[in-house]
């Protein structure tokens, strides 16, 4: 009986070690993913800083504060345009207004007529 208890204890110890290793590996993957996300965010901010004037950057920040998803979409659009090399000069506040208006989905209006 002592032999089977030793085997059982050994199996438990092996399983615990496997679980510890798996957990350690998963935490390492999460850390690497977080590092990549932070690096991408830093690159995005650098591109925006390079291609936007102060007024345009303030306007974009105010849009992000009021509508985070729309602000994020606008940022990604600007970064994509900049990476394709389609920006000849910095985007000023007037160009930012035009870009935001272009990206804004059309308001759907409903006319209800009563008879």
N, C-alpha and C. Protein backbone atom coordinates (compact mmCIF):
# COMPACT_ATOMS: atom_id res chain seq x y z
N UNK A 1 0.80 -1.18 0.00
CA UNK A 1 0.00 0.00 0.00
C UNK A 1 0.85 1.25 0.00
N UNK A 2 1.90 1.19 0.66
CA UNK A 2 2.80 2.33 0.73
C UNK A 2 3.33 2.67 -0.66
N UNK A 3 3.52 1.64 -1.47
CA UNK A 3 4.03 1.83 -2.82
C UNK A 3 3.01 2.61 -3.67
N UNK A 4 1.74 2.28 -3.57
CA UNK A 4 0.72 2.96 -4.37
C UNK A 4 0.52 4.40 -3.88
N UNK A 5 0.66 4.64 -2.57
CA UNK A 5 0.55 5.99 -2.05
C UNK A 5 1.71 6.85 -2.55
N UNK A 6 2.89 6.25 -2.62
CA UNK A 6 4.04 6.97 -3.13
C UNK A 6 3.83 7.33 -4.60
N UNK A 7 3.29 6.37 -5.37
CA UNK A 7 3.01 6.63 -6.78
C UNK A 7 1.97 7.74 -6.94
N UNK A 8 0.95 7.68 -6.11
CA UNK A 8 -0.10 8.69 -6.17
C UNK A 8 0.46 10.07 -5.81
N UNK A 9 1.27 10.13 -4.82
CA UNK A 9 1.89 11.39 -4.40
C UNK A 9 2.81 11.92 -5.50
N UNK A 10 3.52 11.04 -6.14
CA UNK A 10 4.42 11.43 -7.23
C UNK A 10 3.61 11.99 -8.41
N UNK A 11 2.50 11.35 -8.74
CA UNK A 11 1.64 11.84 -9.81
C UNK A 11 1.06 13.21 -9.48
N UNK A 12 0.66 13.39 -8.25
CA UNK A 12 0.13 14.69 -7.82
C UNK A 12 1.19 15.78 -7.97
N UNK A 13 2.38 15.45 -7.56
CA UNK A 13 3.48 16.43 -7.64
C UNK A 13 3.78 16.79 -9.10
N UNK A 14 3.76 15.80 -9.99
CA UNK A 14 4.00 16.06 -11.41
C UNK A 14 2.91 16.96 -11.98
N UNK A 15 1.65 16.67 -11.65
CA UNK A 15 0.53 17.49 -12.13
C UNK A 15 0.66 18.92 -11.63
N UNK A 16 1.00 19.07 -10.36
CA UNK A 16 1.15 20.41 -9.80
C UNK A 16 2.27 21.18 -10.51
N UNK A 17 3.37 20.50 -10.81
CA UNK A 17 4.48 21.13 -11.51
C UNK A 17 4.04 21.54 -12.93
N UNK A 18 3.29 20.68 -13.61
CA UNK A 18 2.79 21.01 -14.95
C UNK A 18 1.89 22.24 -14.90
N UNK A 19 1.01 22.28 -13.90
CA UNK A 19 0.12 23.43 -13.76
C UNK A 19 0.89 24.72 -13.49
N UNK A 20 1.91 24.64 -12.64
CA UNK A 20 2.74 25.82 -12.36
C UNK A 20 3.44 26.31 -13.63
N UNK A 21 3.99 25.37 -14.41
CA UNK A 21 4.69 25.75 -15.64
C UNK A 21 3.73 26.37 -16.65
N UNK A 22 2.54 25.79 -16.77
CA UNK A 22 1.55 26.32 -17.71
C UNK A 22 1.13 27.73 -17.31
N UNK A 23 0.90 27.93 -16.01
CA UNK A 23 0.49 29.24 -15.53
C UNK A 23 1.60 30.26 -15.76
N UNK A 24 2.83 29.86 -15.55
CA UNK A 24 3.96 30.75 -15.76
C UNK A 24 4.09 31.12 -17.23
N UNK A 25 3.87 30.16 -18.12
CA UNK A 25 3.96 30.42 -19.55
C UNK A 25 2.84 31.36 -19.99
N UNK A 26 1.62 31.15 -19.49
CA UNK A 26 0.51 32.01 -19.84
C UNK A 26 0.74 33.43 -19.37
N UNK A 27 1.31 33.61 -18.20
CA UNK A 27 1.58 34.95 -17.70
C UNK A 27 2.68 35.61 -18.54
N UNK A 28 3.62 34.84 -19.03
CA UNK A 28 4.65 35.37 -19.92
C UNK A 28 4.07 35.81 -21.25
N UNK A 29 3.11 35.04 -21.78
CA UNK A 29 2.43 35.40 -23.03
C UNK A 29 1.65 36.69 -22.85
N UNK A 30 0.97 36.83 -21.74
CA UNK A 30 0.18 38.03 -21.48
C UNK A 30 1.09 39.26 -21.38
N UNK A 31 2.23 39.09 -20.74
CA UNK A 31 3.18 40.20 -20.61
C UNK A 31 3.72 40.61 -21.97
N UNK A 32 4.04 39.64 -22.81
CA UNK A 32 4.54 39.94 -24.15
C UNK A 32 3.47 40.64 -24.98
N UNK A 33 2.24 40.19 -24.86
CA UNK A 33 1.14 40.81 -25.60
C UNK A 33 0.94 42.25 -25.13
N UNK A 34 1.01 42.49 -23.85
CA UNK A 34 0.86 43.83 -23.30
C UNK A 34 1.99 44.73 -23.78
N UNK A 35 3.21 44.20 -23.84
CA UNK A 35 4.35 44.97 -24.33
C UNK A 35 4.16 45.35 -25.79
N UNK A 36 3.66 44.42 -26.61
CA UNK A 36 3.40 44.73 -28.02
C UNK A 36 2.32 45.80 -28.16
N UNK A 37 1.28 45.71 -27.33
CA UNK A 37 0.21 46.69 -27.37
C UNK A 37 0.71 48.09 -27.01
N UNK A 38 1.55 48.15 -25.98
CA UNK A 38 2.12 49.43 -25.56
C UNK A 38 3.03 50.01 -26.64
N UNK A 39 3.80 49.15 -27.30
CA UNK A 39 4.68 49.62 -28.36
C UNK A 39 3.86 50.15 -29.54
N UNK A 40 2.80 49.47 -29.91
CA UNK A 40 1.94 49.92 -31.01
C UNK A 40 1.29 51.26 -30.65
N UNK A 41 0.86 51.40 -29.41
CA UNK A 41 0.25 52.66 -28.96
C UNK A 41 1.27 53.80 -29.02
N UNK A 42 2.51 53.53 -28.62
CA UNK A 42 3.55 54.56 -28.67
C UNK A 42 3.85 54.97 -30.11
N UNK A 43 3.87 54.00 -31.02
CA UNK A 43 4.10 54.31 -32.43
C UNK A 43 2.95 55.15 -32.99
N UNK A 44 1.73 54.82 -32.62
CA UNK A 44 0.56 55.56 -33.09
C UNK A 44 0.64 57.00 -32.61
N UNK A 45 0.98 57.21 -31.34
CA UNK A 45 1.09 58.56 -30.79
C UNK A 45 2.19 59.35 -31.49
N UNK A 46 3.30 58.68 -31.81
CA UNK A 46 4.39 59.37 -32.50
C UNK A 46 3.96 59.82 -33.89
N UNK A 47 3.25 58.97 -34.60
CA UNK A 47 2.77 59.32 -35.95
C UNK A 47 1.79 60.48 -35.86
N UNK A 48 0.88 60.44 -34.89
CA UNK A 48 -0.08 61.53 -34.73
C UNK A 48 0.62 62.83 -34.37
N UNK A 49 1.59 62.77 -33.49
CA UNK A 49 2.34 63.95 -33.10
C UNK A 49 3.06 64.56 -34.29
N UNK A 50 3.55 63.70 -35.16
CA UNK A 50 4.31 64.15 -36.33
C UNK A 50 3.40 64.78 -37.38
N UNK A 51 2.17 64.30 -37.54
CA UNK A 51 1.33 64.72 -38.65
C UNK A 51 0.16 65.64 -38.28
N UNK A 52 -0.01 65.96 -36.99
CA UNK A 52 -1.11 66.84 -36.58
C UNK A 52 -0.57 68.12 -35.95
N UNK A 53 -1.23 69.24 -36.24
CA UNK A 53 -0.89 70.48 -35.55
C UNK A 53 -1.50 70.42 -34.15
N UNK A 54 -1.15 71.41 -33.32
CA UNK A 54 -1.68 71.43 -31.95
C UNK A 54 -3.20 71.54 -31.94
N UNK A 55 -3.75 72.39 -32.80
CA UNK A 55 -5.20 72.56 -32.85
C UNK A 55 -5.90 71.28 -33.26
N UNK A 56 -5.36 70.59 -34.25
CA UNK A 56 -5.96 69.34 -34.71
C UNK A 56 -5.87 68.28 -33.62
N UNK A 57 -4.76 68.25 -32.91
CA UNK A 57 -4.59 67.27 -31.84
C UNK A 57 -5.59 67.54 -30.71
N UNK A 58 -5.81 68.83 -30.39
CA UNK A 58 -6.79 69.17 -29.35
C UNK A 58 -8.19 68.77 -29.78
N UNK A 59 -8.51 69.01 -31.04
CA UNK A 59 -9.85 68.64 -31.54
C UNK A 59 -10.04 67.13 -31.47
N UNK A 60 -9.01 66.38 -31.89
CA UNK A 60 -9.10 64.92 -31.84
C UNK A 60 -9.26 64.43 -30.40
N UNK A 61 -8.53 65.03 -29.48
CA UNK A 61 -8.64 64.64 -28.07
C UNK A 61 -10.03 64.93 -27.52
N UNK A 62 -10.62 66.06 -27.91
CA UNK A 62 -11.96 66.37 -27.41
C UNK A 62 -12.98 65.40 -27.99
N UNK A 63 -12.79 64.98 -29.25
CA UNK A 63 -13.67 63.98 -29.84
C UNK A 63 -13.53 62.65 -29.11
N UNK A 64 -12.30 62.27 -28.78
CA UNK A 64 -12.07 61.01 -28.06
C UNK A 64 -12.71 61.03 -26.68
N UNK A 65 -12.75 62.21 -26.05
CA UNK A 65 -13.35 62.30 -24.73
C UNK A 65 -14.87 62.12 -24.81
N UNK A 66 -15.49 62.66 -25.85
CA UNK A 66 -16.94 62.57 -25.94
C UNK A 66 -17.41 61.28 -26.61
N UNK A 67 -16.67 60.84 -27.61
CA UNK A 67 -17.03 59.61 -28.32
C UNK A 67 -15.78 58.76 -28.53
N UNK A 68 -15.43 57.93 -27.54
CA UNK A 68 -14.16 57.18 -27.61
C UNK A 68 -14.01 56.30 -28.84
N UNK A 69 -15.07 55.60 -29.24
CA UNK A 69 -14.95 54.69 -30.39
C UNK A 69 -14.70 55.48 -31.67
N UNK A 70 -15.43 56.58 -31.83
CA UNK A 70 -15.29 57.40 -33.02
C UNK A 70 -13.90 58.05 -33.05
N UNK A 71 -13.41 58.51 -31.88
CA UNK A 71 -12.07 59.10 -31.80
C UNK A 71 -10.99 58.09 -32.16
N UNK A 72 -11.16 56.87 -31.69
CA UNK A 72 -10.21 55.80 -32.00
C UNK A 72 -10.22 55.49 -33.50
N UNK A 73 -11.41 55.47 -34.08
CA UNK A 73 -11.54 55.22 -35.52
C UNK A 73 -10.84 56.33 -36.31
N UNK A 74 -11.02 57.57 -35.88
CA UNK A 74 -10.39 58.70 -36.57
C UNK A 74 -8.87 58.60 -36.46
N UNK A 75 -8.38 58.27 -35.28
CA UNK A 75 -6.93 58.10 -35.10
C UNK A 75 -6.38 57.04 -36.04
N UNK A 76 -7.06 55.91 -36.10
CA UNK A 76 -6.57 54.82 -36.96
C UNK A 76 -6.60 55.23 -38.43
N UNK A 77 -7.61 56.00 -38.82
CA UNK A 77 -7.69 56.45 -40.20
C UNK A 77 -6.53 57.39 -40.52
N UNK A 78 -6.22 58.30 -39.61
CA UNK A 78 -5.11 59.24 -39.83
C UNK A 78 -3.79 58.50 -39.91
N UNK A 79 -3.59 57.54 -39.02
CA UNK A 79 -2.36 56.75 -39.03
C UNK A 79 -2.24 55.97 -40.35
N UNK A 80 -3.34 55.41 -40.82
CA UNK A 80 -3.31 54.65 -42.07
C UNK A 80 -2.97 55.57 -43.25
N UNK A 81 -3.55 56.74 -43.27
CA UNK A 81 -3.26 57.70 -44.35
C UNK A 81 -1.79 58.10 -44.30
N UNK A 82 -1.29 58.34 -43.11
CA UNK A 82 0.11 58.75 -42.96
C UNK A 82 1.06 57.63 -43.38
N UNK A 83 0.73 56.39 -43.04
CA UNK A 83 1.61 55.27 -43.39
C UNK A 83 1.62 55.00 -44.88
N UNK A 84 0.51 55.34 -45.55
CA UNK A 84 0.47 55.16 -47.01
C UNK A 84 1.20 56.29 -47.73
N UNK A 85 1.56 57.33 -46.98
CA UNK A 85 2.28 58.44 -47.57
C UNK A 85 1.37 59.42 -48.30
N UNK A 86 0.11 59.46 -47.97
CA UNK A 86 -0.83 60.34 -48.64
C UNK A 86 -0.93 61.72 -48.00
N UNK A 87 -0.21 61.94 -46.90
CA UNK A 87 -0.22 63.25 -46.26
C UNK A 87 0.98 64.05 -46.76
N UNK A 88 0.71 65.15 -47.41
CA UNK A 88 1.80 65.98 -47.88
C UNK A 88 2.29 66.92 -46.80
N UNK A 89 1.37 67.40 -45.99
CA UNK A 89 1.70 68.34 -44.94
C UNK A 89 0.91 67.96 -43.69
N UNK A 90 1.17 68.70 -42.61
CA UNK A 90 0.47 68.42 -41.37
C UNK A 90 -1.02 68.71 -41.51
N UNK A 91 -1.80 67.97 -40.76
CA UNK A 91 -3.24 68.20 -40.73
C UNK A 91 -3.51 69.30 -39.72
N UNK A 92 -4.13 70.39 -40.19
CA UNK A 92 -4.48 71.47 -39.28
C UNK A 92 -5.92 71.27 -38.80
N UNK A 93 -6.40 72.24 -38.04
CA UNK A 93 -7.72 72.07 -37.43
C UNK A 93 -8.83 72.02 -38.48
N UNK A 94 -8.73 72.81 -39.54
CA UNK A 94 -9.76 72.81 -40.58
C UNK A 94 -9.79 71.46 -41.32
N UNK A 95 -8.61 70.93 -41.62
CA UNK A 95 -8.56 69.61 -42.28
C UNK A 95 -9.09 68.53 -41.35
N UNK A 96 -8.84 68.68 -40.05
CA UNK A 96 -9.33 67.71 -39.07
C UNK A 96 -10.85 67.75 -39.03
N UNK A 97 -11.43 68.95 -39.06
CA UNK A 97 -12.90 69.07 -39.09
C UNK A 97 -13.46 68.36 -40.31
N UNK A 98 -12.83 68.58 -41.47
CA UNK A 98 -13.32 67.95 -42.71
C UNK A 98 -13.20 66.44 -42.62
N UNK A 99 -12.08 65.95 -42.08
CA UNK A 99 -11.87 64.51 -41.95
C UNK A 99 -12.89 63.89 -41.00
N UNK A 100 -13.15 64.56 -39.88
CA UNK A 100 -14.12 64.04 -38.92
C UNK A 100 -15.53 64.04 -39.51
N UNK A 101 -15.83 65.07 -40.28
CA UNK A 101 -17.15 65.14 -40.92
C UNK A 101 -17.28 64.01 -41.94
N UNK A 102 -16.19 63.71 -42.64
CA UNK A 102 -16.20 62.63 -43.64
C UNK A 102 -16.38 61.27 -42.98
N UNK A 103 -15.75 61.09 -41.83
CA UNK A 103 -15.83 59.80 -41.12
C UNK A 103 -17.15 59.61 -40.39
N UNK A 104 -17.80 60.71 -40.04
CA UNK A 104 -19.03 60.63 -39.27
C UNK A 104 -20.12 59.95 -40.09
N UNK A 105 -20.77 58.98 -39.52
CA UNK A 105 -21.85 58.32 -40.26
C UNK A 105 -23.01 59.29 -40.46
N UNK A 106 -23.68 59.13 -41.57
CA UNK A 106 -24.82 59.99 -41.87
C UNK A 106 -25.90 59.78 -40.82
N UNK A 107 -26.47 60.89 -40.40
CA UNK A 107 -27.58 60.78 -39.45
C UNK A 107 -28.80 60.28 -40.19
N UNK A 108 -29.40 59.31 -39.64
CA UNK A 108 -30.61 58.78 -40.25
C UNK A 108 -31.79 59.49 -39.62
N UNK A 109 -32.61 60.06 -40.46
CA UNK A 109 -33.79 60.73 -39.93
C UNK A 109 -35.02 59.96 -40.38
N UNK A 110 -35.98 59.96 -39.52
CA UNK A 110 -37.22 59.27 -39.79
C UNK A 110 -38.34 60.29 -39.82
N UNK A 111 -39.07 60.30 -40.89
CA UNK A 111 -40.23 61.18 -40.98
C UNK A 111 -41.47 60.35 -40.69
N UNK A 112 -42.17 60.77 -39.67
CA UNK A 112 -43.38 60.07 -39.28
C UNK A 112 -44.56 60.96 -39.63
N UNK A 113 -45.40 60.46 -40.48
CA UNK A 113 -46.59 61.23 -40.86
C UNK A 113 -47.81 60.58 -40.22
N UNK A 114 -48.60 61.39 -39.60
CA UNK A 114 -49.82 60.89 -39.01
C UNK A 114 -50.99 61.24 -39.90
N UNK A 115 -51.91 60.35 -40.04
CA UNK A 115 -53.07 60.58 -40.90
C UNK A 115 -54.30 60.85 -40.11
